[in-house]
Structures are given as C-alpha cells and as structure tokens.
Protein backbone atom coordinates (compact mmCIF):
# COMPACT_ATOMS: atom_id res chain seq x y z
CA MET A 1 0.00 0.00 0.00
CA LYS A 2 2.80 2.36 0.87
CA LYS A 3 4.48 1.67 -2.49
CA ILE A 4 1.26 2.32 -4.39
CA THR A 5 0.67 5.58 -2.53
CA ILE A 6 4.14 6.82 -3.39
CA LEU A 7 3.71 5.94 -7.05
CA TYR A 8 0.33 7.68 -7.09
CA ILE A 9 1.72 10.85 -5.62
CA THR A 10 4.62 10.76 -8.04
CA GLY A 11 2.22 10.40 -10.95
CA VAL A 12 0.14 13.31 -9.78
CA LEU A 13 3.24 15.49 -9.45
CA LEU A 14 4.47 14.55 -12.92
CA ALA A 15 1.07 15.24 -14.39
CA SER A 16 0.87 18.60 -12.68
CA MET A 17 4.36 19.51 -13.83
CA THR A 18 3.45 18.62 -17.41
CA SER A 19 0.28 20.67 -17.31
CA CYS A 20 2.15 23.63 -15.80
CA THR A 21 4.84 23.65 -18.45
CA LYS A 22 2.68 25.01 -21.22
CA ASP A 23 1.74 28.02 -19.04
CA PHE A 24 5.17 28.34 -17.39
CA GLU A 25 6.15 31.64 -19.03
CA GLU A 26 2.85 33.32 -18.23
CA ILE A 27 2.78 32.10 -14.63
CA ASN A 28 6.38 33.11 -13.98
CA THR A 29 6.09 36.60 -15.41
CA ASN A 30 5.94 39.29 -12.76
CA PRO A 31 3.11 41.64 -13.80
CA ASN A 32 4.75 44.45 -11.84
CA VAL A 33 8.04 44.36 -13.77
CA VAL A 34 8.51 46.43 -16.93
CA GLU A 35 10.18 44.11 -19.43
CA ASN A 36 10.77 46.87 -22.00
CA PRO A 37 11.52 50.04 -20.07
CA ASN A 38 10.69 53.42 -21.56
CA ALA A 39 14.15 54.98 -21.87
CA ASN A 40 12.79 58.51 -22.20
CA PHE A 41 10.72 58.28 -19.04
CA ILE A 42 13.54 56.75 -17.00
CA PHE A 43 16.06 59.31 -18.22
CA SER A 44 13.70 62.07 -17.08
CA LYS A 45 13.40 60.36 -13.71
CA SER A 46 17.19 60.13 -13.40
CA ILE A 47 17.52 63.88 -13.92
CA LEU A 48 14.90 64.62 -11.29
CA ASP A 49 16.29 62.10 -8.80
CA GLY A 50 19.88 63.14 -9.36
CA LEU A 51 19.18 66.78 -8.56
CA ASN A 52 16.63 66.12 -5.80
CA ASN A 53 19.06 64.03 -3.74
CA ASN A 54 18.82 65.36 -0.16
CA TYR A 55 19.50 68.96 -1.15
CA PHE A 56 18.93 70.40 2.31
CA PHE A 57 21.02 67.84 4.20
CA THR A 58 23.93 67.79 1.75
CA ASN A 59 24.07 71.25 0.22
CA ILE A 60 22.96 73.43 3.12
CA LEU A 61 23.60 71.66 6.42
CA GLU A 62 26.86 69.99 5.35
CA CYS A 63 28.60 71.71 2.41
CA GLY A 64 26.99 75.13 2.78
CA GLY A 65 27.75 75.27 6.49
CA MET A 66 31.37 74.17 6.08
CA LEU A 67 31.98 76.70 3.30
CA GLN A 68 30.30 79.49 5.28
CA HIS A 69 27.47 80.32 2.96
CA TYR A 70 25.10 79.20 5.71
CA ALA A 71 25.09 79.27 9.51
CA THR A 72 22.84 78.11 12.34
CA TYR A 73 22.79 78.43 16.12
CA LYS A 74 21.42 74.90 16.51
CA GLU A 75 23.77 72.05 17.35
CA ALA A 76 22.06 68.98 15.87
CA SER A 77 21.68 70.61 12.46
CA GLY A 78 25.01 72.43 12.70
CA VAL A 79 27.00 69.53 11.28
CA GLY A 80 28.72 71.66 8.64
CA ASP A 81 28.53 74.88 10.58
CA LYS A 82 30.28 73.34 13.61
CA TYR A 83 32.08 70.26 12.13
CA LEU A 84 29.96 67.70 13.96
CA SER A 85 29.10 64.12 13.03
CA ASN A 86 25.53 63.08 12.38
CA GLU A 87 24.80 59.86 10.51
CA VAL A 88 21.49 61.17 9.18
CA TYR A 89 23.16 63.97 7.27
CA PHE A 90 26.50 62.59 6.07
CA SER A 91 25.05 59.30 4.80
CA ALA A 92 21.97 60.65 3.04
CA TYR A 93 23.50 61.46 -0.35
CA PHE A 94 25.27 58.09 -0.68
CA ASN A 95 22.22 56.09 0.40
CA GLN A 96 19.88 57.74 -2.07
CA ALA A 97 22.15 58.07 -5.12
CA TYR A 98 22.56 54.38 -5.96
CA PRO A 99 18.99 53.03 -5.84
CA THR A 100 17.56 55.99 -7.74
CA ALA A 101 19.42 58.14 -10.28
CA LEU A 102 22.46 55.90 -10.77
CA SER A 103 20.39 52.75 -11.19
CA GLU A 104 18.14 54.60 -13.59
CA THR A 105 21.05 55.56 -15.85
CA GLU A 106 22.03 51.88 -16.06
CA ILE A 107 18.48 50.93 -17.05
CA VAL A 108 18.52 53.53 -19.82
CA ILE A 109 21.93 52.40 -21.06
CA ASP A 110 20.84 48.75 -21.15
CA ALA A 111 17.66 49.71 -23.00
CA VAL A 112 19.30 51.72 -25.80
CA LYS A 113 22.84 50.38 -26.19
CA ASP A 114 22.04 47.85 -28.92
CA ASN A 115 20.06 50.20 -31.14
CA ALA A 116 22.29 52.29 -33.41
CA ASN A 117 19.50 54.82 -33.88
CA ASP A 118 19.53 55.45 -30.11
CA SER A 119 23.22 56.34 -29.99
CA ASN A 120 22.49 59.90 -28.84
CA LYS A 121 20.35 58.63 -25.99
CA LEU A 122 23.14 56.28 -25.00
CA ASN A 123 25.83 58.95 -25.03
CA ILE A 124 23.78 61.67 -23.36
CA THR A 125 23.05 59.17 -20.59
CA ARG A 126 26.77 58.40 -20.32
CA ILE A 127 27.44 62.12 -19.86
CA TRP A 128 24.71 62.45 -17.26
CA LYS A 129 26.05 59.39 -15.46
CA VAL A 130 29.46 61.09 -15.24
CA TYR A 131 27.83 64.12 -13.69
CA LEU A 132 26.13 61.95 -11.06
CA TYR A 133 29.21 59.92 -10.20
CA HIS A 134 31.57 62.88 -9.92
CA ARG A 135 29.24 64.40 -7.34
CA ILE A 136 29.28 61.35 -5.10
CA THR A 137 32.99 60.54 -5.39
CA ASP A 138 33.83 64.17 -4.62
CA LEU A 139 31.99 63.79 -1.31
CA TYR A 140 33.24 60.37 -0.21
CA GLY A 141 36.36 59.49 -2.22
CA ASP A 142 36.59 55.81 -3.17
CA ILE A 143 33.09 54.52 -3.93
CA PRO A 144 31.36 51.65 -5.75
CA TYR A 145 31.61 52.50 -9.43
CA SER A 146 32.52 49.86 -12.02
CA GLU A 147 30.28 47.22 -10.42
CA ALA A 148 27.68 49.57 -8.96
CA ALA A 149 23.98 49.85 -9.80
CA LYS A 150 24.17 46.80 -12.07
CA ALA A 151 22.56 44.09 -9.96
CA ASN A 152 19.83 43.65 -12.55
CA SER A 153 22.27 42.93 -15.37
CA THR A 154 25.27 41.39 -13.60
CA GLN A 155 23.78 40.00 -10.37
CA ILE A 156 26.50 41.80 -8.40
CA PHE A 157 24.83 42.88 -5.18
CA LEU A 158 27.96 43.80 -3.21
CA PRO A 159 29.99 46.00 -5.57
CA LYS A 160 33.66 46.67 -4.97
CA TYR A 161 34.90 50.16 -4.15
CA ASP A 162 37.03 51.62 -6.93
CA THR A 163 39.81 54.08 -6.26
CA GLN A 164 38.96 57.68 -6.97
CA GLU A 165 41.94 57.81 -9.32
CA PHE A 166 40.43 55.02 -11.42
CA ILE A 167 36.98 56.62 -11.26
CA TYR A 168 38.16 60.06 -12.36
CA LYS A 169 40.21 58.73 -15.24
CA ASP A 170 37.26 56.64 -16.40
CA LEU A 171 34.83 59.53 -16.05
CA LEU A 172 37.05 61.69 -18.25
CA LYS A 173 37.33 58.89 -20.80
CA GLU A 174 33.53 58.54 -20.82
CA LEU A 175 33.07 62.26 -21.43
CA ASP A 176 35.58 62.19 -24.28
CA GLU A 177 34.03 59.16 -25.98
CA ALA A 178 30.44 60.26 -25.47
CA ALA A 179 31.03 63.79 -26.78
CA LEU A 180 32.72 62.49 -29.92
CA ALA A 181 29.93 59.98 -30.53
CA LEU A 182 27.06 62.49 -30.41
CA ASP A 183 25.44 62.83 -33.83
CA ALA A 184 23.10 65.73 -34.65
CA THR A 185 21.53 63.73 -37.51
CA LYS A 186 20.04 61.16 -35.13
CA PRO A 187 17.13 61.49 -32.69
CA SER A 188 17.56 62.31 -29.03
CA PHE A 189 15.43 62.50 -25.88
CA GLY A 190 13.50 65.56 -26.99
CA GLY A 191 11.11 66.82 -24.33
CA ALA A 192 12.13 64.03 -21.96
CA ASP A 193 15.39 65.93 -21.51
CA PHE A 194 14.55 68.65 -18.98
CA ILE A 195 17.96 70.30 -19.34
CA TYR A 196 18.54 70.77 -23.08
CA ASN A 197 15.34 69.44 -24.67
CA GLY A 198 17.40 66.92 -26.59
CA ASP A 199 19.79 69.45 -28.15
CA VAL A 200 22.81 67.32 -29.06
CA ALA A 201 25.13 70.28 -29.73
CA LYS A 202 24.48 71.66 -26.25
CA TRP A 203 25.06 68.28 -24.63
CA LYS A 204 28.42 68.17 -26.38
CA LYS A 205 29.35 71.55 -24.88
CA PHE A 206 28.13 70.35 -21.49
CA SER A 207 30.34 67.26 -21.80
CA TYR A 208 33.44 69.32 -22.57
CA SER A 209 32.59 71.82 -19.82
CA LEU A 210 32.27 68.98 -17.34
CA MET A 211 35.59 67.70 -18.67
CA LEU A 212 37.08 71.13 -17.95
CA ARG A 213 35.77 70.97 -14.37
CA LEU A 214 37.02 67.43 -13.79
CA GLY A 215 40.31 68.05 -15.55
CA MET A 216 41.01 71.08 -13.42
CA ARG A 217 40.09 69.05 -10.34
CA LEU A 218 43.31 67.07 -10.90
CA SER A 219 45.54 70.16 -10.77
CA LYS A 220 46.84 69.44 -7.28
CA VAL A 221 47.37 65.70 -7.55
CA ASP A 222 48.56 65.46 -11.18
CA PRO A 223 49.12 68.83 -12.93
CA THR A 224 50.36 67.25 -16.16
CA LEU A 225 47.28 65.08 -16.55
CA ALA A 226 45.08 68.00 -15.54
CA GLN A 227 46.56 70.17 -18.27
CA THR A 228 46.03 67.44 -20.86
CA TRP A 229 42.32 67.16 -20.10
CA VAL A 230 41.83 70.90 -19.74
CA ASN A 231 43.34 71.45 -23.18
CA LYS A 232 41.18 68.68 -24.65
CA ALA A 233 38.07 70.26 -23.15
CA ILE A 234 38.95 73.69 -24.53
CA ALA A 235 39.61 72.23 -27.97
CA GLY A 236 36.28 70.40 -27.87
CA GLY A 237 34.34 73.56 -27.07
CA VAL A 238 33.02 74.51 -23.66
CA ILE A 239 29.98 76.55 -22.63
CA LEU A 240 30.74 80.23 -23.24
CA ASN A 241 27.33 81.71 -23.95
CA THR A 242 24.27 82.07 -21.75
CA ALA A 243 22.19 80.15 -24.28
CA ASP A 244 24.29 77.03 -23.72
CA ASN A 245 24.13 77.00 -19.92
CA ALA A 246 22.92 73.73 -18.41
CA ILE A 247 19.75 74.70 -16.58
CA MET A 248 17.11 72.46 -15.05
CA LYS A 249 13.60 73.80 -15.44
CA TYR A 250 11.04 73.36 -12.66
CA THR A 251 7.38 74.17 -12.06
CA ASP A 252 5.52 74.86 -8.84
CA GLY A 253 3.83 71.46 -8.70
CA PRO A 254 1.60 69.63 -9.17
CA ASN A 255 3.96 67.22 -7.40
CA ASP A 256 6.87 67.99 -5.12
CA PHE A 257 9.42 66.49 -7.50
CA ASN A 258 8.46 69.14 -10.04
CA ARG A 259 9.68 71.87 -7.67
CA ASN A 260 13.21 73.23 -7.44
CA PRO A 261 14.85 71.25 -4.61
CA SER A 262 16.92 74.19 -3.38
CA GLY A 263 13.69 75.98 -2.62
CA PHE A 264 11.29 73.17 -1.85
CA ASP A 265 13.55 70.96 0.27
CA SER A 266 15.00 73.90 2.17
CA ARG A 267 11.68 75.57 2.89
CA LYS A 268 10.13 72.26 3.88
CA GLN A 269 12.97 71.36 6.25
CA ASP A 270 13.89 74.75 7.71
CA PHE A 271 12.73 78.03 6.18
CA SER A 272 9.08 77.09 6.60
CA ALA A 273 6.06 79.07 5.49
CA GLY A 274 4.86 81.52 8.06
CA SER A 275 8.08 81.64 10.10
CA TYR A 276 9.18 84.92 8.46
CA GLY A 277 12.68 84.50 9.80
CA GLN A 278 11.67 84.12 13.44
CA ARG A 279 11.00 80.41 13.87
CA ASN A 280 13.11 78.53 11.34
CA VAL A 281 13.01 74.83 12.18
CA GLU A 282 16.79 74.38 12.03
CA GLY A 283 17.76 77.98 12.72
CA GLY A 284 19.27 78.45 9.27
CA LYS A 285 20.58 81.83 8.10
CA LEU A 286 23.10 83.10 5.59
CA SER A 287 26.61 83.30 7.01
CA LYS A 288 28.23 86.50 8.19
CA THR A 289 31.31 85.56 6.14
CA PHE A 290 29.27 85.49 2.95
CA ILE A 291 27.14 88.56 3.59
CA ASP A 292 30.07 90.66 4.82
CA LEU A 293 32.06 90.01 1.66
CA LEU A 294 29.14 90.83 -0.63
CA GLN A 295 28.54 94.08 1.26
CA ALA A 296 32.21 95.06 1.42
CA THR A 297 32.53 94.71 -2.35
CA ALA A 298 29.15 96.34 -3.11
CA ASP A 299 28.12 93.17 -4.94
CA PRO A 300 24.69 93.60 -6.55
CA ARG A 301 24.13 89.82 -6.49
CA ILE A 302 23.39 90.18 -2.78
CA SER A 303 19.88 91.41 -3.58
CA VAL A 304 19.26 88.37 -5.76
CA TYR A 305 20.61 85.93 -3.19
CA ALA A 306 19.47 87.36 0.14
CA GLY A 307 16.66 89.03 2.04
CA VAL A 308 15.82 90.08 5.59
CA TRP A 309 12.25 89.57 6.73
CA GLU A 310 10.36 92.73 7.61
CA GLY A 311 6.96 91.45 8.62
CA THR A 312 5.83 89.16 5.79
CA VAL A 313 8.12 90.65 3.13
CA GLN A 314 11.85 90.22 2.51
CA ASN A 315 13.92 93.37 2.22
CA THR A 316 16.60 92.58 -0.37
CA SER A 317 18.56 95.82 -0.28
CA LEU A 318 22.31 95.58 0.25
CA ALA A 319 22.26 97.75 3.37
CA ALA A 320 19.57 95.66 5.11
CA GLN A 321 21.51 92.38 4.99
CA LYS A 322 23.14 90.89 8.07
CA GLY A 323 24.87 87.51 8.21
CA PHE A 324 24.82 85.11 11.15
CA PRO A 325 28.20 84.03 12.61
CA ASN A 326 29.29 80.42 12.13
CA GLY A 327 29.97 78.21 15.14
CA ILE A 328 27.51 79.93 17.50
CA LYS A 329 25.34 77.98 19.95
CA ILE A 330 23.44 80.72 21.77
CA ALA A 331 19.97 81.09 20.32
CA PRO A 332 18.82 84.60 19.46
CA THR A 333 15.30 85.66 20.35
CA PRO A 334 12.71 85.24 17.59
CA ILE A 335 12.67 88.99 16.99
CA GLU A 336 16.45 89.05 16.67
CA GLN A 337 16.46 85.99 14.40
CA ALA A 338 14.35 87.88 11.91
CA THR A 339 17.07 90.51 11.54
CA TYR A 340 19.45 88.06 9.85
CA SER A 341 19.61 87.37 6.12
CA GLU A 342 18.09 84.30 4.52
CA PRO A 343 17.98 83.14 0.89
CA ASN A 344 15.62 85.19 -1.23
CA GLN A 345 12.34 83.28 -1.57
CA SER A 346 11.49 85.14 -4.79
CA THR A 347 14.63 83.89 -6.54
CA VAL A 348 16.95 81.13 -5.33
CA PHE A 349 14.31 79.62 -3.01
CA LYS A 350 11.37 80.02 -5.35
CA TYR A 351 9.63 76.71 -6.02
CA ASP A 352 9.61 77.10 -9.79
CA ALA A 353 13.02 78.75 -10.09
CA PRO A 354 15.41 77.18 -12.61
CA LEU A 355 18.46 75.41 -11.19
CA MET A 356 21.86 76.16 -12.70
CA ILE A 357 23.82 72.95 -13.24
CA LEU A 358 26.87 74.28 -15.10
CA SER A 359 27.30 77.72 -16.60
CA ASN A 360 29.56 80.02 -18.55
CA ALA A 361 30.39 81.83 -15.30
CA GLU A 362 32.18 78.70 -14.08
CA THR A 363 33.82 77.85 -17.39
CA ASN A 364 35.22 81.37 -17.86
CA LEU A 365 36.62 81.40 -14.34
CA LEU A 366 38.22 77.99 -14.89
CA LEU A 367 39.66 79.28 -18.16
CA ALA A 368 41.03 82.28 -16.23
CA GLU A 369 42.83 79.83 -13.95
CA ALA A 370 44.10 77.89 -16.97
CA ALA A 371 45.46 81.12 -18.42
CA ALA A 372 47.09 82.03 -15.10
CA ARG A 373 48.76 78.62 -15.07
CA GLY A 374 50.03 79.07 -18.63
CA TRP A 375 47.81 76.26 -19.92
CA TYR A 376 45.70 78.45 -22.16
CA ALA A 377 46.86 81.35 -24.32
CA GLY A 378 43.62 82.21 -26.08
CA GLU A 379 42.87 85.16 -23.79
CA THR A 380 44.39 86.79 -20.74
CA ASP A 381 43.48 85.67 -17.25
CA GLN A 382 42.11 89.15 -16.59
CA ALA A 383 39.82 89.11 -19.64
CA LEU A 384 38.50 85.67 -18.73
CA TYR A 385 38.02 86.62 -15.09
CA GLU A 386 35.98 89.64 -16.13
CA LYS A 387 33.94 87.49 -18.53
CA GLY A 388 33.22 85.10 -15.66
CA VAL A 389 31.98 87.90 -13.43
CA LYS A 390 29.87 89.41 -16.21
CA ALA A 391 28.40 85.99 -16.98
CA SER A 392 27.48 85.48 -13.34
CA PHE A 393 25.76 88.88 -13.26
CA LEU A 394 23.78 88.14 -16.41
CA ASN A 395 22.88 84.66 -15.13
CA MET A 396 20.91 86.25 -12.32
CA GLY A 397 18.33 86.66 -15.06
CA ILE A 398 17.33 83.00 -14.80
CA TYR A 399 15.14 84.11 -11.89
CA GLY A 400 13.39 86.67 -14.09
CA THR A 401 14.55 89.44 -16.40
CA ALA A 402 14.19 91.98 -13.58
CA TYR A 403 17.08 90.28 -11.78
CA THR A 404 19.52 90.45 -14.69
CA ILE A 405 22.54 92.59 -13.80
CA ALA A 406 23.47 93.97 -17.19
CA ASP A 407 26.37 96.22 -16.24
CA ALA A 408 29.29 94.73 -14.30
CA THR A 409 31.57 97.69 -14.96
CA PRO A 410 31.00 99.48 -11.61
CA TYR A 411 31.72 96.26 -9.71
CA LEU A 412 34.83 95.43 -11.72
CA THR A 413 36.08 99.00 -11.36
CA LEU A 414 35.63 98.87 -7.59
CA ASN A 415 37.09 95.34 -7.38
CA PRO A 416 39.68 95.13 -10.18
CA PHE A 417 41.53 91.96 -11.11
CA ASN A 418 45.10 91.98 -9.83
CA ALA A 419 46.76 91.25 -13.16
CA ALA A 420 50.22 92.05 -11.74
CA GLY A 421 49.72 89.89 -8.67
CA SER A 422 51.21 86.50 -7.89
CA PHE A 423 49.63 83.27 -9.06
CA GLU A 424 48.14 82.77 -5.58
CA ASP A 425 46.74 86.30 -5.62
CA LYS A 426 44.98 85.49 -8.88
CA MET A 427 43.74 82.14 -7.60
CA ASN A 428 42.26 83.85 -4.58
CA GLN A 429 40.34 86.32 -6.73
CA ILE A 430 39.21 83.76 -9.30
CA HIS A 431 37.96 81.24 -6.76
CA THR A 432 36.43 83.78 -4.44
CA GLN A 433 34.33 84.67 -7.47
CA MET A 434 33.59 80.98 -7.97
CA TRP A 435 32.44 80.78 -4.33
CA ILE A 436 30.03 83.66 -5.01
CA ALA A 437 28.86 82.71 -8.50
CA LEU A 438 28.09 79.08 -7.65
CA PHE A 439 25.94 79.89 -4.62
CA VAL A 440 23.14 77.30 -4.34
CA ASP A 441 25.37 74.55 -5.79
CA GLU A 442 27.12 74.02 -2.46
CA GLN A 443 28.52 70.62 -3.43
CA GLU A 444 30.56 72.13 -6.23
CA VAL A 445 31.58 75.06 -4.04
CA TYR A 446 32.86 72.56 -1.44
CA ALA A 447 34.80 70.54 -4.02
CA ASN A 448 36.36 73.60 -5.64
CA TRP A 449 37.40 75.03 -2.27
CA ARG A 450 39.15 71.80 -1.27
CA ARG A 451 41.11 71.83 -4.52
CA THR A 452 42.12 75.48 -4.42
CA GLY A 453 41.94 76.59 -0.78
CA TYR A 454 40.15 79.78 -1.84
CA PRO A 455 38.51 81.86 -0.59
CA VAL A 456 40.51 81.80 2.64
CA LEU A 457 38.04 80.90 5.38
CA VAL A 458 38.60 81.13 9.12
CA PRO A 459 37.53 77.79 10.64
CA VAL A 460 35.43 77.61 13.79
CA ASN A 461 36.41 75.52 16.80
CA PHE A 462 33.09 74.55 18.36
CA PRO A 463 33.31 72.42 21.54
CA GLY A 464 32.98 68.74 20.68
CA ASN A 465 33.76 69.13 16.99
CA VAL A 466 35.21 66.03 15.31
CA THR A 467 37.94 67.65 13.19
CA ASN A 468 40.02 69.47 15.79
CA GLY A 469 38.77 72.79 14.47
CA THR A 470 39.55 72.25 10.78
CA ILE A 471 37.08 72.33 7.89
CA PRO A 472 36.19 68.72 6.93
CA ARG A 473 37.74 67.29 3.78
CA ARG A 474 35.14 64.60 3.00
CA PHE A 475 32.00 62.82 4.20
CA LYS A 476 32.12 59.57 6.14
CA TYR A 477 30.65 56.41 4.64
CA PRO A 478 27.17 55.38 5.78
CA THR A 479 27.12 53.04 8.78
CA SER A 480 24.92 50.67 6.80
CA GLU A 481 27.81 49.95 4.42
CA TYR A 482 29.76 48.44 7.30
CA SER A 483 27.15 45.75 7.75
CA VAL A 484 25.96 45.27 4.17
CA ASN A 485 29.15 45.61 2.12
CA SER A 486 31.74 45.31 4.86
CA ALA A 487 34.56 43.48 3.05
CA ASN A 488 34.64 45.85 0.09
CA LEU A 489 34.33 48.89 2.35
CA ALA A 490 37.14 47.66 4.58
CA GLU A 491 39.43 47.40 1.56
CA ALA A 492 38.56 50.96 0.54
CA VAL A 493 39.25 52.32 4.01
CA LYS A 494 42.56 50.44 4.18
CA ARG A 495 43.57 51.96 0.85
CA GLN A 496 42.19 55.50 1.19
CA GLY A 497 42.76 56.10 4.88
CA GLU A 498 40.71 56.22 8.05
CA ASP A 499 37.01 56.79 7.51
CA ASN A 500 36.74 60.21 9.09
CA PHE A 501 36.08 63.80 8.05
CA THR A 502 39.73 64.85 7.82
CA THR A 503 41.05 62.09 5.53
CA ARG A 504 41.81 63.64 2.16
CA ILE A 505 40.48 62.04 -1.00
CA TRP A 506 42.77 61.30 -3.97
CA TRP A 507 42.61 64.61 -5.83
CA ASP A 508 42.84 66.55 -2.55
CA LYS A 509 46.19 65.06 -1.47
C-alpha cells in the first residue's frame, strides 16, 4: 500500500508539472516588472532624482555650512557649521544616489545600447552618469563604481569600491568618448530631456565643460594630466554663452518632484512658510562671512541671493543684509532671528526657479585659472576673469529678467583683477568669485574650495567638533555599508585612509 501511494503521488506530481509547463512563461512573469523600459521616461526620472538628492542635508547643512554660505545656532543641524558628526546627514546622499538616479542611468543604457539609432540617448546618458558619479565621489572618495547599480544585469549585489583615481580617469574617458559619438543627424530625448530638450550640440558643450571641471580638479594631484584634459576640453568647445548654460527647469507642482529642490527641500525642512525669519526649524541663516564680503565689495548679487524679513516681506537691499556668525550655539530671540539674512524666496528659493547645473560663469573662471597657469593662451586671465563675473551677473536673469545685472563695470572697477599679482593672488580672486557665482550649488563650491583653498576661510572651533577645528575634507561612509558591504568597504578604508572627516580624497592630497 505504501508503495502504491508513493507511485500515485509521483504520478500526480508529474502530471501537474506537465500541465504547468505550457503556461510556465505566463505564470512566472511578474506583472509588476517592466520588461521593456521606456528609456525617455527613465532618463527624465534620473535627472529629477539626481538633482533632488537630499538637497537640504547635503548642500545646506553639510557643504553650505562648512563653506560658510550658511550658519545656524542649533547644534544637531550644525553639522557643517560646527564640524559635527551626524549619521542622518553625512550618509543621506550616498544612500539615495545608488537606488535611484544611478540605477536609472544603467536601465537607460541597457535599454538603448544595442540600437544604433539610439546612440544619442546612450551617449547623453553616459554624460549624465558622469555628472552623477563625480558628485558622489567628490563627497566620499573611493566609492562603488565599475560594479555599482548593475545588480539587474550582472547579479552583483555587493559591488567593490574603486579608487577615486580610477573613477576620475574613467569619467574623463567617458566624457571624451560620449562627446565624440554624439550625432546631430540622429534622434535624441526631446522633451524628456529637462535640461537641453534633446539638443545634441548643447550636450556636447556640457560634456566638454564637465571635462574642464574634472580636468582642473586634478591640478593638485597630477598637474600634467590636468593640463592634458583641460586642453582637450577647450579644444572640444566649452559653454561660453548664456544660451548654452545647463539649466534644469522646474514648475511649482503639481507634485513635489516638479519643484526646485533648493527651494522646496529647504523651505520644507527649515525656512518654513509663516516663520518669516523668526521660527526657522533648524535655525538656518546666511553666514556673516558670505554677507560681509558681498557688502564690502558692493556686490549687486546680494539682492538676488538674500533678504531680511520685515513682517511678511523680505527686504533685499544691500544695506539691510546681516549675516549670522558660524559656530555659534546661543539662540537669538525670535525677533532678533528675523534681523538676519536668509535666501531670497522670490529667486533662489522660489519653487519654480530654474536650477543652474553648469554655466559660462564657471567655465570662464576655470579658463582664467588655466590662463594664469600658462595652460591656455587664447585670452588673458584678466579678460577671462571679467567674462566670468559678467556671466554670473547676467545669469541672475534665470530668476526673471528683472534680476539680470546687465552692467558689471561698476563692480569690476571697484574690485579690479590683480593682473600684476602673484599666481596665488589670482587664484584667490578667481575662486572667491567661484564661491560667489556658484551659490546654491554648495557641493561644487565645497569641491572647488578643497582643490584650491580659496577663498581663505577662518575655521570655527566649536566644543565637541570632530575635526580638531579644521574644515572637513570629505563625508564619512554610511554606517549601513559596514554591515551590508563590509569586506569591500574595509578594503577601501585600508587603501584611502581612516574613515573620518579629515582624511583627504585622492585629488585633494
């Protein structure tokens, strides 16, 4: 009986397996998985996710506080202002980048790489991927790169950490190859591209401009290689005109991801509606260092960047501005808080304001440095410096034509370029202008300052700080990486140096 029962059960199983086979593919297809992803849609999502990545935590509390664009009296949120360690803030950018924007670029690349007619989509995505990766490696140093965000295609779930040297050299190679492969006769992303609306010629200029930025980033660690890439970028053609600036366009809704993250994330987290400068959640204000310099040089950009609340309206006049000191713990009264400058909610913190990604202000200032180094003879460092300043003034017009500063002559006359000065004198002027012109993009301001050391900032020495009173040189890795990807992380730490805020990354040695 036992034998018969076993045979019966076996027969039933075989029969059921046979009957299942003909429907196997249908049964084993996950209805929630997109088998043929829409490359246009996912590319759009990657742009949104890449720029929306924890703006307030990363750009304001960390980078903006360290580089003294922002200040706060609060301790918990004063991680950059006071050089403190808080897992929530230093890990946020890393933790969000990989599962969203970076993974999305890989999906797009996999979807279009085998179709010759989609070559522009492939190469624009490669360029965008470079932009995303350079942002994260500049914060942390060695990171997962060559094996990262590819679990779907390679089944690698614990990617190795590549050296920043390898990453940077590969990023530059990618920019070079992608720019050369762009073809204006083939289709592109069109309206799915929120930056250039599919304009291939502009993406090529963006690629070479990003190459200029990354090439110059190597100036301290490998000047010869830096010069090579800077010259290649210049020869390729960088952004020089306002029309070619890389600008992300936003709207005020209907969803939060349609809003400019510098305004939406910051106002949601700190500069909340109805506080009018008196009850900011995290006590955020513009730094005294920043405001004092803009006032001392009679910089008209101050009225675009800043405002002091007077009742329910911000006064944006130069004379009304007052910066808050960095490294302060004593809370001012609500009435006193309102006397300090905050970002202008009609411009840089407006929900539907455009977001500058890379502009001719930056490229001209980098070219001024190249000229000062003797790497570029096309124009003088003074002429390029002045072009950079003028470009920055004109770029205020992205917030509305009323904000365009058409005449930079009074400012340049009052603050002339020191053409007879030393190389360091010139670097100080050029990169102080970069620090001003790139306001809002605090990640790039932080990276450029670490490379150049300018402007010269006086560090704070808040009790309990974790850097012995020095401005941090990098972010720490997320604690989660120590438990999830511990072996690969341990190798990176052994190679790069102790996982703390004062360890210098490769190009910052």
